[in-house]
Amino acid sequence: MLLKFELIKKIHQAGIVAVIRGKSEEDSYKTAQACVQGQITAIELAFTSPNADITISRLRKKYRTSPDVIIGAGTVLDPTTARLAIVAGAEFIVSPSFNKKTAKLCNLYEIPYIPGCFTPTEVQAALTYGADVIKVFPSSVAGESVINEIHGPFPNVNIMPTGGVSLVNLTKWLKQGAFVVGVGGSMVGPAKEDDYQQVTKNAIKFHNKYLEFVKK
């Protein structure tokens, strides 16, 4: 399980995962590049994006000599999609919900599985099937205090809030004990207008905000 441990460590060290839902294969690729240029080194490419598996493969090839960059797949709803992503090179799998068969497949390939959970029952089920990080989604509904609430019965669980994380509340989530945060529209939104330079600028702002926190 050394591979899985090393991948989880890379996700944690990244601090921020860029959640990308591209409108085309090229848009997804350029958005991911823009994030990495802005020092956001963990990329989650949603499988709602066209040709997501191809984009993941392209990104893995581009950053094969960049040890800090880690490329994963998001919006993975079933084990078939998970295997497609893993074969393409995905280094972690993220789902909006928990799926037992997907968890088992990821464990088989030593790939971190990060399922979306919202209740203690869901969290317990995910942990039982080997999930090492739990995605709280949508975090905008749950609120920052949800991490403390989950850590009550599950004190050692690693939490990744996603959905509603912004520059305004980033530090609040980190102070609450987030293992890593997932950031979507508030960082990569300008890509909808093909403004990849602004995506990079946003990424730099998030990266600097994160550094301010960890250096305190």
C-alpha atoms as a PDB file:
ATOM      1  CA  MET A   1       0.000   0.000   0.000  1.00  0.00           C
ATOM      2  CA  LEU A   2       3.040   2.266  -0.272  1.00  0.00           C
ATOM      3  CA  LEU A   3       1.829   3.758  -3.585  1.00  0.00           C
ATOM      4  CA  LYS A   4      -1.512   4.744  -2.075  1.00  0.00           C
ATOM      5  CA  PHE A   5       0.216   6.319   0.927  1.00  0.00           C
ATOM      6  CA  GLU A   6       2.537   8.357  -1.285  1.00  0.00           C
ATOM      7  CA  LEU A   7      -0.346   9.610  -3.425  1.00  0.00           C
ATOM      8  CA  ILE A   8      -2.367  10.676  -0.375  1.00  0.00           C
ATOM      9  CA  LYS A   9       0.724  12.477   0.916  1.00  0.00           C
ATOM     10  CA  LYS A  10       1.016  14.395  -2.383  1.00  0.00           C
ATOM     11  CA  ILE A  11      -2.643  15.420  -2.208  1.00  0.00           C
ATOM     12  CA  HIS A  12      -2.172  16.654   1.345  1.00  0.00           C
ATOM     13  CA  GLN A  13       0.977  18.587   0.472  1.00  0.00           C
ATOM     14  CA  ALA A  14      -0.795  20.253  -2.442  1.00  0.00           C
ATOM     15  CA  GLY A  15      -3.301  21.722   0.016  1.00  0.00           C
ATOM     16  CA  ILE A  16      -5.718  22.715  -2.745  1.00  0.00           C
ATOM     17  CA  VAL A  17      -7.279  20.529  -5.428  1.00  0.00           C
ATOM     18  CA  ALA A  18      -8.455  22.337  -8.568  1.00  0.00           C
ATOM     19  CA  VAL A  19     -11.830  20.916  -9.632  1.00  0.00           C
ATOM     20  CA  ILE A  20     -12.146  21.248 -13.410  1.00  0.00           C
ATOM     21  CA  ARG A  21     -15.272  20.701 -15.512  1.00  0.00           C
ATOM     22  CA  GLY A  22     -14.158  21.585 -19.009  1.00  0.00           C
ATOM     23  CA  LYS A  23     -16.442  22.382 -21.913  1.00  0.00           C
ATOM     24  CA  SER A  24     -14.118  20.552 -24.293  1.00  0.00           C
ATOM     25  CA  GLU A  25     -11.023  18.384 -24.183  1.00  0.00           C
ATOM     26  CA  GLU A  26      -8.778  21.320 -25.049  1.00  0.00           C
ATOM     27  CA  ASP A  27     -10.499  23.588 -22.531  1.00  0.00           C
ATOM     28  CA  SER A  28      -9.934  21.050 -19.749  1.00  0.00           C
ATOM     29  CA  TYR A  29      -6.288  20.681 -20.728  1.00  0.00           C
ATOM     30  CA  LYS A  30      -5.641  24.444 -20.866  1.00  0.00           C
ATOM     31  CA  THR A  31      -7.468  25.033 -17.584  1.00  0.00           C
ATOM     32  CA  ALA A  32      -5.359  22.394 -15.843  1.00  0.00           C
ATOM     33  CA  GLN A  33      -2.199  23.939 -17.277  1.00  0.00           C
ATOM     34  CA  ALA A  34      -3.281  27.358 -16.057  1.00  0.00           C
ATOM     35  CA  CYS A  35      -3.797  25.994 -12.529  1.00  0.00           C
ATOM     36  CA  VAL A  36      -0.387  24.326 -12.435  1.00  0.00           C
ATOM     37  CA  GLN A  37       1.211  27.547 -13.693  1.00  0.00           C
ATOM     38  CA  GLY A  38      -0.433  29.210 -10.700  1.00  0.00           C
ATOM     39  CA  GLN A  39       1.192  26.671  -8.333  1.00  0.00           C
ATOM     40  CA  ILE A  40      -1.918  24.555  -7.784  1.00  0.00           C
ATOM     41  CA  THR A  41      -0.413  21.111  -8.197  1.00  0.00           C
ATOM     42  CA  ALA A  42      -3.412  18.809  -7.601  1.00  0.00           C
ATOM     43  CA  ILE A  43      -5.870  18.556 -10.477  1.00  0.00           C
ATOM     44  CA  GLU A  44      -9.262  16.815 -10.347  1.00  0.00           C
ATOM     45  CA  LEU A  45     -10.713  16.478 -13.846  1.00  0.00           C
ATOM     46  CA  ALA A  46     -14.430  15.754 -13.774  1.00  0.00           C
ATOM     47  CA  PHE A  47     -15.696  12.938 -15.961  1.00  0.00           C
ATOM     48  CA  THR A  48     -18.512  15.221 -17.084  1.00  0.00           C
ATOM     49  CA  SER A  49     -15.795  16.840 -19.226  1.00  0.00           C
ATOM     50  CA  PRO A  50     -15.561  15.591 -22.835  1.00  0.00           C
ATOM     51  CA  ASN A  51     -12.905  12.909 -23.345  1.00  0.00           C
ATOM     52  CA  ALA A  52     -11.832  13.169 -19.714  1.00  0.00           C
ATOM     53  CA  ASP A  53      -9.731  10.008 -19.913  1.00  0.00           C
ATOM     54  CA  ILE A  54      -7.764  11.373 -22.868  1.00  0.00           C
ATOM     55  CA  THR A  55      -7.148  14.664 -21.061  1.00  0.00           C
ATOM     56  CA  ILE A  56      -5.938  12.825 -17.966  1.00  0.00           C
ATOM     57  CA  SER A  57      -3.515  10.838 -20.108  1.00  0.00           C
ATOM     58  CA  ARG A  58      -2.239  14.025 -21.787  1.00  0.00           C
ATOM     59  CA  LEU A  59      -1.735  15.743 -18.442  1.00  0.00           C
ATOM     60  CA  ARG A  60       0.115  12.766 -16.972  1.00  0.00           C
ATOM     61  CA  LYS A  61       2.484  12.785 -19.943  1.00  0.00           C
ATOM     62  CA  LYS A  62       3.028  16.535 -19.757  1.00  0.00           C
ATOM     63  CA  TYR A  63       3.851  16.515 -16.046  1.00  0.00           C
ATOM     64  CA  ARG A  64       5.646  13.166 -15.850  1.00  0.00           C
ATOM     65  CA  THR A  65       8.848  14.985 -14.812  1.00  0.00           C
ATOM     66  CA  SER A  66       7.041  17.220 -12.284  1.00  0.00           C
ATOM     67  CA  PRO A  67       7.010  15.226  -9.037  1.00  0.00           C
ATOM     68  CA  ASP A  68       4.702  17.632  -7.189  1.00  0.00           C
ATOM     69  CA  VAL A  69       1.896  17.524  -9.760  1.00  0.00           C
ATOM     70  CA  ILE A  70      -0.824  14.925  -9.208  1.00  0.00           C
ATOM     71  CA  ILE A  71      -3.676  14.291 -11.645  1.00  0.00           C
ATOM     72  CA  GLY A  72      -6.962  12.728 -10.570  1.00  0.00           C
ATOM     73  CA  ALA A  73     -10.464  12.074 -11.860  1.00  0.00           C
ATOM     74  CA  GLY A  74     -13.677  13.528 -10.464  1.00  0.00           C
ATOM     75  CA  THR A  75     -17.412  12.833 -10.752  1.00  0.00           C
ATOM     76  CA  VAL A  76     -16.647   9.112 -10.883  1.00  0.00           C
ATOM     77  CA  LEU A  77     -19.950   7.352 -10.211  1.00  0.00           C
ATOM     78  CA  ASP A  78     -19.133   3.691 -10.804  1.00  0.00           C
ATOM     79  CA  PRO A  79     -16.255   1.179 -10.942  1.00  0.00           C
ATOM     80  CA  THR A  80     -16.260   1.069 -14.752  1.00  0.00           C
ATOM     81  CA  THR A  81     -15.520   4.781 -14.944  1.00  0.00           C
ATOM     82  CA  ALA A  82     -12.988   4.467 -12.143  1.00  0.00           C
ATOM     83  CA  ARG A  83     -11.048   1.791 -14.010  1.00  0.00           C
ATOM     84  CA  LEU A  84     -11.156   3.845 -17.223  1.00  0.00           C
ATOM     85  CA  ALA A  85      -9.698   6.775 -15.298  1.00  0.00           C
ATOM     86  CA  ILE A  86      -7.016   4.667 -13.615  1.00  0.00           C
ATOM     87  CA  VAL A  87      -5.954   3.076 -16.907  1.00  0.00           C
ATOM     88  CA  ALA A  88      -5.670   6.614 -18.347  1.00  0.00           C
ATOM     89  CA  GLY A  89      -3.331   7.493 -15.486  1.00  0.00           C
ATOM     90  CA  ALA A  90      -5.545   9.003 -12.781  1.00  0.00           C
ATOM     91  CA  GLU A  91      -3.709   9.043  -9.443  1.00  0.00           C
ATOM     92  CA  PHE A  92      -6.797   9.540  -7.294  1.00  0.00           C
ATOM     93  CA  ILE A  93     -10.543   9.091  -7.734  1.00  0.00           C
ATOM     94  CA  VAL A  94     -13.196  11.504  -6.451  1.00  0.00           C
ATOM     95  CA  SER A  95     -16.947  10.881  -6.350  1.00  0.00           C
ATOM     96  CA  PRO A  96     -19.909  13.080  -5.356  1.00  0.00           C
ATOM     97  CA  SER A  97     -21.241  10.101  -3.381  1.00  0.00           C
ATOM     98  CA  PHE A  98     -20.038   6.803  -1.900  1.00  0.00           C
ATOM     99  CA  ASN A  99     -20.041   3.605  -3.977  1.00  0.00           C
ATOM    100  CA  LYS A 100     -18.889   0.279  -2.505  1.00  0.00           C
ATOM    101  CA  LYS A 101     -17.772  -1.291  -5.792  1.00  0.00           C
ATOM    102  CA  THR A 102     -15.783   1.795  -6.728  1.00  0.00           C
ATOM    103  CA  ALA A 103     -14.081   1.737  -3.325  1.00  0.00           C
ATOM    104  CA  LYS A 104     -13.104  -1.915  -3.783  1.00  0.00           C
ATOM    105  CA  LEU A 105     -11.695  -1.307  -7.261  1.00  0.00           C
ATOM    106  CA  CYS A 106      -9.614   1.661  -6.107  1.00  0.00           C
ATOM    107  CA  ASN A 107      -8.253  -0.401  -3.214  1.00  0.00           C
ATOM    108  CA  LEU A 108      -7.304  -3.145  -5.683  1.00  0.00           C
ATOM    109  CA  TYR A 109      -5.222  -0.704  -7.722  1.00  0.00           C
ATOM    110  CA  GLU A 110      -3.848   1.149  -4.654  1.00  0.00           C
ATOM    111  CA  ILE A 111      -5.443   4.398  -5.795  1.00  0.00           C
ATOM    112  CA  PRO A 112      -6.919   6.807  -3.207  1.00  0.00           C
ATOM    113  CA  TYR A 113     -10.713   6.973  -3.320  1.00  0.00           C
ATOM    114  CA  ILE A 114     -12.321  10.212  -2.086  1.00  0.00           C
ATOM    115  CA  PRO A 115     -16.103   9.772  -1.894  1.00  0.00           C
ATOM    116  CA  GLY A 116     -18.584  12.543  -1.183  1.00  0.00           C
ATOM    117  CA  CYS A 117     -20.377  12.092   2.140  1.00  0.00           C
ATOM    118  CA  PHE A 118     -22.833  14.207   4.091  1.00  0.00           C
ATOM    119  CA  THR A 119     -24.004  12.080   7.023  1.00  0.00           C
ATOM    120  CA  PRO A 120     -22.277  10.026   9.745  1.00  0.00           C
ATOM    121  CA  THR A 121     -23.735   6.862   8.197  1.00  0.00           C
ATOM    122  CA  GLU A 122     -22.114   7.676   4.845  1.00  0.00           C
ATOM    123  CA  VAL A 123     -18.804   8.548   6.486  1.00  0.00           C
ATOM    124  CA  GLN A 124     -18.751   5.284   8.433  1.00  0.00           C
ATOM    125  CA  ALA A 125     -19.552   3.261   5.319  1.00  0.00           C
ATOM    126  CA  ALA A 126     -16.789   4.976   3.347  1.00  0.00           C
ATOM    127  CA  LEU A 127     -14.236   4.381   6.103  1.00  0.00           C
ATOM    128  CA  THR A 128     -15.280   0.743   6.358  1.00  0.00           C
ATOM    129  CA  TYR A 129     -14.459   0.288   2.674  1.00  0.00           C
ATOM    130  CA  GLY A 130     -11.037   1.880   2.955  1.00  0.00           C
ATOM    131  CA  ALA A 131     -11.586   5.519   1.995  1.00  0.00           C
ATOM    132  CA  ASP A 132      -8.631   7.524   3.324  1.00  0.00           C
ATOM    133  CA  VAL A 133     -10.085  10.966   2.615  1.00  0.00           C
ATOM    134  CA  ILE A 134     -13.751  11.969   2.825  1.00  0.00           C
ATOM    135  CA  LYS A 135     -15.146  14.716   0.612  1.00  0.00           C
ATOM    136  CA  VAL A 136     -17.758  16.862   2.353  1.00  0.00           C
ATOM    137  CA  PHE A 137     -20.035  17.934  -0.477  1.00  0.00           C
ATOM    138  CA  PRO A 138     -21.522  20.416  -0.890  1.00  0.00           C
ATOM    139  CA  SER A 139     -19.493  22.192   1.764  1.00  0.00           C
ATOM    140  CA  SER A 140     -21.403  25.438   1.197  1.00  0.00           C
ATOM    141  CA  VAL A 141     -24.457  23.737   2.686  1.00  0.00           C
ATOM    142  CA  ALA A 142     -22.594  21.975   5.500  1.00  0.00           C
ATOM    143  CA  GLY A 143     -20.605  25.012   6.719  1.00  0.00           C
ATOM    144  CA  GLU A 144     -17.113  25.083   8.213  1.00  0.00           C
ATOM    145  CA  SER A 145     -18.218  23.665  11.575  1.00  0.00           C
ATOM    146  CA  VAL A 146     -19.050  20.329   9.948  1.00  0.00           C
ATOM    147  CA  ILE A 147     -15.409  19.232  10.248  1.00  0.00           C
ATOM    148  CA  ASN A 148     -15.488  19.501  14.048  1.00  0.00           C
ATOM    149  CA  GLU A 149     -18.823  17.704  14.106  1.00  0.00           C
ATOM    150  CA  ILE A 150     -17.492  14.808  12.017  1.00  0.00           C
ATOM    151  CA  HIS A 151     -14.306  14.649  14.059  1.00  0.00           C
ATOM    152  CA  GLY A 152     -16.445  14.023  17.144  1.00  0.00           C
ATOM    153  CA  PRO A 153     -17.322  10.396  16.306  1.00  0.00           C
ATOM    154  CA  PHE A 154     -14.534  10.019  13.713  1.00  0.00           C
ATOM    155  CA  PRO A 155     -11.545  11.904  15.181  1.00  0.00           C
ATOM    156  CA  ASN A 156      -8.961  10.671  12.670  1.00  0.00           C
ATOM    157  CA  VAL A 157     -10.838  11.048   9.403  1.00  0.00           C
ATOM    158  CA  ASN A 158      -9.297  13.274   6.714  1.00  0.00           C
ATOM    159  CA  ILE A 159     -11.792  15.791   5.338  1.00  0.00           C
ATOM    160  CA  MET A 160     -11.793  17.517   1.933  1.00  0.00           C
ATOM    161  CA  PRO A 161     -14.505  20.194   1.760  1.00  0.00           C
ATOM    162  CA  THR A 162     -15.616  20.876  -1.814  1.00  0.00           C
ATOM    163  CA  GLY A 163     -18.304  23.093  -3.276  1.00  0.00           C
ATOM    164  CA  GLY A 164     -18.335  26.682  -2.080  1.00  0.00           C
ATOM    165  CA  VAL A 165     -14.690  27.030  -0.997  1.00  0.00           C
ATOM    166  CA  SER A 166     -13.455  30.522  -1.904  1.00  0.00           C
ATOM    167  CA  LEU A 167     -10.664  32.946  -1.105  1.00  0.00           C
ATOM    168  CA  VAL A 168     -12.936  34.468   1.527  1.00  0.00           C
ATOM    169  CA  ASN A 169     -13.477  31.249   3.510  1.00  0.00           C
ATOM    170  CA  LEU A 170     -10.358  29.234   2.602  1.00  0.00           C
ATOM    171  CA  THR A 171      -8.575  30.052   5.854  1.00  0.00           C
ATOM    172  CA  LYS A 172     -11.686  29.209   7.884  1.00  0.00           C
ATOM    173  CA  TRP A 173     -11.801  25.722   6.389  1.00  0.00           C
ATOM    174  CA  LEU A 174      -8.117  25.191   7.018  1.00  0.00           C
ATOM    175  CA  LYS A 175      -8.416  26.384  10.623  1.00  0.00           C
ATOM    176  CA  GLN A 176     -11.224  23.893  11.164  1.00  0.00           C
ATOM    177  CA  GLY A 177      -8.807  21.111  10.203  1.00  0.00           C
ATOM    178  CA  ALA A 178      -9.424  20.435   6.516  1.00  0.00           C
ATOM    179  CA  PHE A 179      -6.938  17.851   5.201  1.00  0.00           C
ATOM    180  CA  VAL A 180      -7.136  19.481   1.754  1.00  0.00           C
ATOM    181  CA  VAL A 181      -9.773  21.628   0.013  1.00  0.00           C
ATOM    182  CA  GLY A 182     -11.394  21.281  -3.391  1.00  0.00           C
ATOM    183  CA  VAL A 183     -11.876  24.532  -5.307  1.00  0.00           C
ATOM    184  CA  GLY A 184     -13.895  24.859  -8.477  1.00  0.00           C
ATOM    185  CA  GLY A 185     -15.641  27.873  -9.957  1.00  0.00           C
ATOM    186  CA  SER A 186     -14.115  30.505  -7.706  1.00  0.00           C
ATOM    187  CA  MET A 187     -10.729  29.644  -9.216  1.00  0.00           C
ATOM    188  CA  VAL A 188     -11.327  28.129 -12.650  1.00  0.00           C
ATOM    189  CA  GLY A 189     -14.535  29.981 -13.556  1.00  0.00           C
ATOM    190  CA  PRO A 190     -12.854  32.347 -16.060  1.00  0.00           C
ATOM    191  CA  ALA A 191     -12.044  29.338 -18.251  1.00  0.00           C
ATOM    192  CA  LYS A 192     -15.682  29.425 -19.381  1.00  0.00           C
ATOM    193  CA  GLU A 193     -14.734  32.596 -21.282  1.00  0.00           C
ATOM    194  CA  ASP A 194     -11.382  31.122 -22.379  1.00  0.00           C
ATOM    195  CA  ASP A 195      -9.584  33.469 -19.975  1.00  0.00           C
ATOM    196  CA  TYR A 196      -6.871  31.073 -18.854  1.00  0.00           C
ATOM    197  CA  GLN A 197      -4.584  33.889 -17.743  1.00  0.00           C
ATOM    198  CA  GLN A 198      -7.165  34.860 -15.129  1.00  0.00           C
ATOM    199  CA  VAL A 199      -7.366  31.230 -14.007  1.00  0.00           C
ATOM    200  CA  THR A 200      -3.616  31.355 -13.375  1.00  0.00           C
ATOM    201  CA  LYS A 201      -3.971  34.645 -11.486  1.00  0.00           C
ATOM    202  CA  ASN A 202      -6.742  33.148  -9.346  1.00  0.00           C
ATOM    203  CA  ALA A 203      -4.650  30.042  -8.720  1.00  0.00           C
ATOM    204  CA  ILE A 204      -1.741  32.184  -7.526  1.00  0.00           C
ATOM    205  CA  LYS A 205      -4.052  33.997  -5.101  1.00  0.00           C
ATOM    206  CA  PHE A 206      -5.303  30.701  -3.672  1.00  0.00           C
ATOM    207  CA  HIS A 207      -1.776  29.312  -3.453  1.00  0.00           C
ATOM    208  CA  ASN A 208      -0.495  32.417  -1.642  1.00  0.00           C
ATOM    209  CA  LYS A 209      -3.444  32.365   0.754  1.00  0.00           C
ATOM    210  CA  TYR A 210      -2.726  28.737   1.535  1.00  0.00           C
ATOM    211  CA  LEU A 211       0.976  29.473   2.106  1.00  0.00           C
ATOM    212  CA  GLU A 212       0.077  32.297   4.488  1.00  0.00           C
ATOM    213  CA  PHE A 213      -1.843  29.796   6.583  1.00  0.00           C
ATOM    214  CA  VAL A 214       0.737  26.995   6.668  1.00  0.00           C
ATOM    215  CA  LYS A 215       3.594  29.384   7.470  1.00  0.00           C
ATOM    216  CA  LYS A 216       1.878  30.802  10.557  1.00  0.00           C
END
